Amino acid sequence: MTKNLNDILDRGEKLESISSKSEALFSQSRKYEQSARDLKMSLYYNRLKIIGGAVLLVVVVLFLRYYIW
């Protein structure tokens, strides 16, 4: 009977350990999700700047080509 009680107590400790590990994993996954979202947006804005600069350069060249020369 004491063995059964000890087994139950051990199982409770294991469940508490698993619970704390799952909570830590959950918070880490939220941090990872946020940093991945931030990185994605940063790369998107960098790409947007490059495309915008290229479009602006083409507009300036066309303007100079047809209205100045």
PDB file of N, CA and C in Angstrom:
ATOM      1  N   MET A   1       0.819  -1.184   0.000  1.00  0.00           N
ATOM      2  CA  MET A   1       0.000   0.000   0.000  1.00  0.00           C
ATOM      3  C   MET A   1       0.869   1.257   0.000  1.00  0.00           C
ATOM      4  N   THR A   2       1.939   1.248   0.785  1.00  0.00           N
ATOM      5  CA  THR A   2       2.831   2.413   0.778  1.00  0.00           C
ATOM      6  C   THR A   2       3.524   2.564  -0.573  1.00  0.00           C
ATOM      7  N   LYS A   3       3.775   1.429  -1.230  1.00  0.00           N
ATOM      8  CA  LYS A   3       4.388   1.479  -2.553  1.00  0.00           C
ATOM      9  C   LYS A   3       3.444   2.179  -3.529  1.00  0.00           C
ATOM     10  N   ASN A   4       2.152   1.882  -3.430  1.00  0.00           N
ATOM     11  CA  ASN A   4       1.164   2.532  -4.298  1.00  0.00           C
ATOM     12  C   ASN A   4       1.129   4.028  -4.047  1.00  0.00           C
ATOM     13  N   LEU A   5       1.169   4.417  -2.783  1.00  0.00           N
ATOM     14  CA  LEU A   5       1.172   5.843  -2.452  1.00  0.00           C
ATOM     15  C   LEU A   5       2.429   6.529  -2.973  1.00  0.00           C
ATOM     16  N   ASN A   6       3.557   5.864  -2.828  1.00  0.00           N
ATOM     17  CA  ASN A   6       4.800   6.440  -3.351  1.00  0.00           C
ATOM     18  C   ASN A   6       4.755   6.565  -4.869  1.00  0.00           C
ATOM     19  N   ASP A   7       4.178   5.565  -5.536  1.00  0.00           N
ATOM     20  CA  ASP A   7       4.036   5.626  -6.990  1.00  0.00           C
ATOM     21  C   ASP A   7       3.144   6.792  -7.410  1.00  0.00           C
ATOM     22  N   ILE A   8       2.068   7.004  -6.665  1.00  0.00           N
ATOM     23  CA  ILE A   8       1.153   8.110  -6.968  1.00  0.00           C
ATOM     24  C   ILE A   8       1.845   9.447  -6.755  1.00  0.00           C
ATOM     25  N   LEU A   9       2.620   9.571  -5.681  1.00  0.00           N
ATOM     26  CA  LEU A   9       3.355  10.810  -5.418  1.00  0.00           C
ATOM     27  C   LEU A   9       4.399  11.068  -6.499  1.00  0.00           C
ATOM     28  N   ASP A  10       5.087  10.006  -6.910  1.00  0.00           N
ATOM     29  CA  ASP A  10       6.075  10.149  -7.986  1.00  0.00           C
ATOM     30  C   ASP A  10       5.400  10.585  -9.284  1.00  0.00           C
ATOM     31  N   ARG A  11       4.253  10.021  -9.563  1.00  0.00           N
ATOM     32  CA  ARG A  11       3.527  10.384 -10.773  1.00  0.00           C
ATOM     33  C   ARG A  11       3.111  11.864 -10.723  1.00  0.00           C
ATOM     34  N   GLY A  12       2.697  12.324  -9.544  1.00  0.00           N
ATOM     35  CA  GLY A  12       2.324  13.730  -9.381  1.00  0.00           C
ATOM     36  C   GLY A  12       3.506  14.656  -9.622  1.00  0.00           C
ATOM     37  N   GLU A  13       4.668  14.260  -9.104  1.00  0.00           N
ATOM     38  CA  GLU A  13       5.867  15.073  -9.322  1.00  0.00           C
ATOM     39  C   GLU A  13       6.233  15.105 -10.799  1.00  0.00           C
ATOM     40  N   LYS A  14       6.094  13.968 -11.479  1.00  0.00           N
ATOM     41  CA  LYS A  14       6.396  13.927 -12.898  1.00  0.00           C
ATOM     42  C   LYS A  14       5.427  14.800 -13.685  1.00  0.00           C
ATOM     43  N   LEU A  15       4.156  14.776 -13.297  1.00  0.00           N
ATOM     44  CA  LEU A  15       3.170  15.618 -13.977  1.00  0.00           C
ATOM     45  C   LEU A  15       3.468  17.100 -13.766  1.00  0.00           C
ATOM     46  N   GLU A  16       3.885  17.472 -12.571  1.00  0.00           N
ATOM     47  CA  GLU A  16       4.248  18.857 -12.299  1.00  0.00           C
ATOM     48  C   GLU A  16       5.455  19.264 -13.138  1.00  0.00           C
ATOM     49  N   SER A  17       6.417  18.358 -13.251  1.00  0.00           N
ATOM     50  CA  SER A  17       7.597  18.631 -14.062  1.00  0.00           C
ATOM     51  C   SER A  17       7.226  18.819 -15.525  1.00  0.00           C
ATOM     52  N   ILE A  18       6.379  17.947 -16.034  1.00  0.00           N
ATOM     53  CA  ILE A  18       5.938  18.052 -17.422  1.00  0.00           C
ATOM     54  C   ILE A  18       5.138  19.328 -17.632  1.00  0.00           C
ATOM     55  N   SER A  19       4.320  19.691 -16.676  1.00  0.00           N
ATOM     56  CA  SER A  19       3.517  20.904 -16.764  1.00  0.00           C
ATOM     57  C   SER A  19       4.407  22.148 -16.830  1.00  0.00           C
ATOM     58  N   SER A  20       5.413  22.206 -15.977  1.00  0.00           N
ATOM     59  CA  SER A  20       6.301  23.372 -15.985  1.00  0.00           C
ATOM     60  C   SER A  20       7.111  23.436 -17.284  1.00  0.00           C
ATOM     61  N   LYS A  21       7.528  22.271 -17.787  1.00  0.00           N
ATOM     62  CA  LYS A  21       8.262  22.242 -19.052  1.00  0.00           C
ATOM     63  C   LYS A  21       7.370  22.681 -20.213  1.00  0.00           C
ATOM     64  N   SER A  22       6.116  22.274 -20.196  1.00  0.00           N
ATOM     65  CA  SER A  22       5.211  22.665 -21.280  1.00  0.00           C
ATOM     66  C   SER A  22       4.915  24.163 -21.232  1.00  0.00           C
ATOM     67  N   GLU A  23       4.804  24.730 -20.031  1.00  0.00           N
ATOM     68  CA  GLU A  23       4.603  26.175 -19.912  1.00  0.00           C
ATOM     69  C   GLU A  23       5.813  26.938 -20.433  1.00  0.00           C
ATOM     70  N   ALA A  24       7.002  26.466 -20.128  1.00  0.00           N
ATOM     71  CA  ALA A  24       8.217  27.112 -20.627  1.00  0.00           C
ATOM     72  C   ALA A  24       8.296  27.001 -22.142  1.00  0.00           C
ATOM     73  N   LEU A  25       7.958  25.855 -22.674  1.00  0.00           N
ATOM     74  CA  LEU A  25       7.963  25.661 -24.120  1.00  0.00           C
ATOM     75  C   LEU A  25       6.949  26.574 -24.796  1.00  0.00           C
ATOM     76  N   PHE A  26       5.798  26.734 -24.193  1.00  0.00           N
ATOM     77  CA  PHE A  26       4.760  27.611 -24.743  1.00  0.00           C
ATOM     78  C   PHE A  26       5.251  29.057 -24.802  1.00  0.00           C
ATOM     79  N   SER A  27       5.875  29.523 -23.737  1.00  0.00           N
ATOM     80  CA  SER A  27       6.354  30.915 -23.735  1.00  0.00           C
ATOM     81  C   SER A  27       7.498  31.095 -24.735  1.00  0.00           C
ATOM     82  N   GLN A  28       8.352  30.097 -24.864  1.00  0.00           N
ATOM     83  CA  GLN A  28       9.427  30.187 -25.853  1.00  0.00           C
ATOM     84  C   GLN A  28       8.869  30.190 -27.265  1.00  0.00           C
ATOM     85  N   SER A  29       7.828  29.412 -27.505  1.00  0.00           N
ATOM     86  CA  SER A  29       7.243  29.379 -28.844  1.00  0.00           C
ATOM     87  C   SER A  29       6.591  30.711 -29.179  1.00  0.00           C
ATOM     88  N   ARG A  30       6.003  31.386 -28.210  1.00  0.00           N
ATOM     89  CA  ARG A  30       5.427  32.718 -28.439  1.00  0.00           C
ATOM     90  C   ARG A  30       6.522  33.727 -28.778  1.00  0.00           C
ATOM     91  N   LYS A  31       7.642  33.670 -28.064  1.00  0.00           N
ATOM     92  CA  LYS A  31       8.755  34.563 -28.356  1.00  0.00           C
ATOM     93  C   LYS A  31       9.301  34.301 -29.758  1.00  0.00           C
ATOM     94  N   TYR A  32       9.420  33.029 -30.126  1.00  0.00           N
ATOM     95  CA  TYR A  32       9.902  32.670 -31.461  1.00  0.00           C
ATOM     96  C   TYR A  32       8.941  33.159 -32.535  1.00  0.00           C
ATOM     97  N   GLU A  33       7.653  32.997 -32.288  1.00  0.00           N
ATOM     98  CA  GLU A  33       6.646  33.441 -33.251  1.00  0.00           C
ATOM     99  C   GLU A  33       6.740  34.951 -33.459  1.00  0.00           C
ATOM    100  N   GLN A  34       6.897  35.704 -32.392  1.00  0.00           N
ATOM    101  CA  GLN A  34       6.994  37.164 -32.483  1.00  0.00           C
ATOM    102  C   GLN A  34       8.265  37.575 -33.214  1.00  0.00           C
ATOM    103  N   SER A  35       9.390  36.940 -32.899  1.00  0.00           N
ATOM    104  CA  SER A  35      10.639  37.311 -33.567  1.00  0.00           C
ATOM    105  C   SER A  35      10.602  36.918 -35.042  1.00  0.00           C
ATOM    106  N   ALA A  36       9.956  35.812 -35.383  1.00  0.00           N
ATOM    107  CA  ALA A  36       9.822  35.418 -36.787  1.00  0.00           C
ATOM    108  C   ALA A  36       8.949  36.422 -37.535  1.00  0.00           C
ATOM    109  N   ARG A  37       7.882  36.889 -36.903  1.00  0.00           N
ATOM    110  CA  ARG A  37       7.011  37.886 -37.518  1.00  0.00           C
ATOM    111  C   ARG A  37       7.772  39.195 -37.730  1.00  0.00           C
ATOM    112  N   ASP A  38       8.552  39.616 -36.740  1.00  0.00           N
ATOM    113  CA  ASP A  38       9.331  40.844 -36.867  1.00  0.00           C
ATOM    114  C   ASP A  38      10.366  40.730 -37.983  1.00  0.00           C
ATOM    115  N   LEU A  39      11.031  39.602 -38.074  1.00  0.00           N
ATOM    116  CA  LEU A  39      12.013  39.387 -39.124  1.00  0.00           C
ATOM    117  C   LEU A  39      11.358  39.401 -40.497  1.00  0.00           C
ATOM    118  N   LYS A  40      10.203  38.764 -40.614  1.00  0.00           N
ATOM    119  CA  LYS A  40       9.481  38.735 -41.886  1.00  0.00           C
ATOM    120  C   LYS A  40       9.110  40.152 -42.334  1.00  0.00           C
ATOM    121  N   MET A  41       8.614  40.952 -41.424  1.00  0.00           N
ATOM    122  CA  MET A  41       8.237  42.327 -41.766  1.00  0.00           C
ATOM    123  C   MET A  41       9.458  43.161 -42.122  1.00  0.00           C
ATOM    124  N   SER A  42      10.552  42.965 -41.420  1.00  0.00           N
ATOM    125  CA  SER A  42      11.784  43.690 -41.714  1.00  0.00           C
ATOM    126  C   SER A  42      12.279  43.368 -43.120  1.00  0.00           C
ATOM    127  N   LEU A  43      12.279  42.104 -43.477  1.00  0.00           N
ATOM    128  CA  LEU A  43      12.703  41.708 -44.821  1.00  0.00           C
ATOM    129  C   LEU A  43      11.749  42.241 -45.882  1.00  0.00           C
ATOM    130  N   TYR A  44      10.470  42.263 -45.580  1.00  0.00           N
ATOM    131  CA  TYR A  44       9.477  42.802 -46.514  1.00  0.00           C
ATOM    132  C   TYR A  44       9.738  44.287 -46.768  1.00  0.00           C
ATOM    133  N   TYR A  45       9.990  45.050 -45.719  1.00  0.00           N
ATOM    134  CA  TYR A  45      10.243  46.479 -45.887  1.00  0.00           C
ATOM    135  C   TYR A  45      11.553  46.734 -46.625  1.00  0.00           C
ATOM    136  N   ASN A  46      12.569  45.920 -46.375  1.00  0.00           N
ATOM    137  CA  ASN A  46      13.823  46.073 -47.118  1.00  0.00           C
ATOM    138  C   ASN A  46      13.598  45.826 -48.604  1.00  0.00           C
ATOM    139  N   ARG A  47      12.839  44.788 -48.933  1.00  0.00           N
ATOM    140  CA  ARG A  47      12.544  44.491 -50.334  1.00  0.00           C
ATOM    141  C   ARG A  47      11.728  45.624 -50.949  1.00  0.00           C
ATOM    142  N   LEU A  48      10.781  46.161 -50.195  1.00  0.00           N
ATOM    143  CA  LEU A  48       9.951  47.260 -50.668  1.00  0.00           C
ATOM    144  C   LEU A  48      10.792  48.500 -50.949  1.00  0.00           C
ATOM    145  N   LYS A  49      11.780  48.770 -50.100  1.00  0.00           N
ATOM    146  CA  LYS A  49      12.669  49.917 -50.324  1.00  0.00           C
ATOM    147  C   LYS A  49      13.473  49.744 -51.606  1.00  0.00           C
ATOM    148  N   ILE A  50      13.967  48.554 -51.847  1.00  0.00           N
ATOM    149  CA  ILE A  50      14.767  48.296 -53.046  1.00  0.00           C
ATOM    150  C   ILE A  50      13.910  48.457 -54.301  1.00  0.00           C
ATOM    151  N   ILE A  51      12.722  47.893 -54.293  1.00  0.00           N
ATOM    152  CA  ILE A  51      11.828  48.006 -55.450  1.00  0.00           C
ATOM    153  C   ILE A  51      11.410  49.455 -55.653  1.00  0.00           C
ATOM    154  N   GLY A  52      11.097  50.151 -54.566  1.00  0.00           N
ATOM    155  CA  GLY A  52      10.726  51.566 -54.661  1.00  0.00           C
ATOM    156  C   GLY A  52      11.859  52.412 -55.223  1.00  0.00           C
ATOM    157  N   GLY A  53      13.071  52.127 -54.799  1.00  0.00           N
ATOM    158  CA  GLY A  53      14.225  52.853 -55.322  1.00  0.00           C
ATOM    159  C   GLY A  53      14.435  52.590 -56.802  1.00  0.00           C
ATOM    160  N   ALA A  54      14.238  51.360 -57.226  1.00  0.00           N
ATOM    161  CA  ALA A  54      14.397  51.017 -58.638  1.00  0.00           C
ATOM    162  C   ALA A  54      13.325  51.703 -59.476  1.00  0.00           C
ATOM    163  N   VAL A  55      12.091  51.715 -58.997  1.00  0.00           N
ATOM    164  CA  VAL A  55      11.006  52.384 -59.717  1.00  0.00           C
ATOM    165  C   VAL A  55      11.279  53.879 -59.797  1.00  0.00           C
ATOM    166  N   LEU A  56      11.724  54.474 -58.723  1.00  0.00           N
ATOM    167  CA  LEU A  56      12.047  55.902 -58.718  1.00  0.00           C
ATOM    168  C   LEU A  56      13.167  56.209 -59.702  1.00  0.00           C
ATOM    169  N   LEU A  57      14.187  55.366 -59.743  1.00  0.00           N
ATOM    170  CA  LEU A  57      15.285  55.552 -60.686  1.00  0.00           C
ATOM    171  C   LEU A  57      14.788  55.487 -62.126  1.00  0.00           C
ATOM    172  N   VAL A  58      13.923  54.545 -62.437  1.00  0.00           N
ATOM    173  CA  VAL A  58      13.382  54.426 -63.796  1.00  0.00           C
ATOM    174  C   VAL A  58      12.553  55.659 -64.147  1.00  0.00           C
ATOM    175  N   VAL A  59      11.754  56.143 -63.213  1.00  0.00           N
ATOM    176  CA  VAL A  59      10.942  57.338 -63.465  1.00  0.00           C
ATOM    177  C   VAL A  59      11.830  58.545 -63.714  1.00  0.00           C
ATOM    178  N   VAL A  60      12.876  58.707 -62.934  1.00  0.00           N
ATOM    179  CA  VAL A  60      13.789  59.838 -63.114  1.00  0.00           C
ATOM    180  C   VAL A  60      14.497  59.741 -64.460  1.00  0.00           C
ATOM    181  N   VAL A  61      14.963  58.557 -64.812  1.00  0.00           N
ATOM    182  CA  VAL A  61      15.646  58.381 -66.104  1.00  0.00           C
ATOM    183  C   VAL A  61      14.694  58.671 -67.249  1.00  0.00           C
ATOM    184  N   LEU A  62      13.473  58.168 -67.179  1.00  0.00           N
ATOM    185  CA  LEU A  62      12.492  58.443 -68.240  1.00  0.00           C
ATOM    186  C   LEU A  62      12.156  59.923 -68.308  1.00  0.00           C
ATOM    187  N   PHE A  63      12.019  60.573 -67.175  1.00  0.00           N
ATOM    188  CA  PHE A  63      11.747  62.003 -67.158  1.00  0.00           C
ATOM    189  C   PHE A  63      12.885  62.773 -67.806  1.00  0.00           C
ATOM    190  N   LEU A  64      14.102  62.454 -67.421  1.00  0.00           N
ATOM    191  CA  LEU A  64      15.254  63.135 -68.012  1.00  0.00           C
ATOM    192  C   LEU A  64      15.367  62.843 -69.506  1.00  0.00           C
ATOM    193  N   ARG A  65      15.071  61.648 -69.883  1.00  0.00           N
ATOM    194  CA  ARG A  65      15.206  61.223 -71.291  1.00  0.00           C
ATOM    195  C   ARG A  65      14.215  61.945 -72.183  1.00  0.00           C
ATOM    196  N   TYR A  66      12.977  62.083 -71.784  1.00  0.00           N
ATOM    197  CA  TYR A  66      11.947  62.615 -72.667  1.00  0.00           C
ATOM    198  C   TYR A  66      11.638  64.104 -72.471  1.00  0.00           C
ATOM    199  N   TYR A  67      11.957  64.658 -71.320  1.00  0.00           N
ATOM    200  CA  TYR A  67      11.607  66.062 -71.079  1.00  0.00           C
ATOM    201  C   TYR A  67      12.800  66.988 -71.007  1.00  0.00           C
ATOM    202  N   ILE A  68      13.962  66.515 -70.750  1.00  0.00           N
ATOM    203  CA  ILE A  68      15.132  67.382 -70.617  1.00  0.00           C
ATOM    204  C   ILE A  68      16.001  67.303 -71.871  1.00  0.00           C
ATOM    205  N   TRP A  69      16.262  66.104 -72.387  1.00  0.00           N
ATOM    206  CA  TRP A  69      17.161  65.972 -73.528  1.00  0.00           C
ATOM    207  C   TRP A  69      16.445  66.180 -74.791  1.00  0.00           C
TER     208      TRP A  69
END
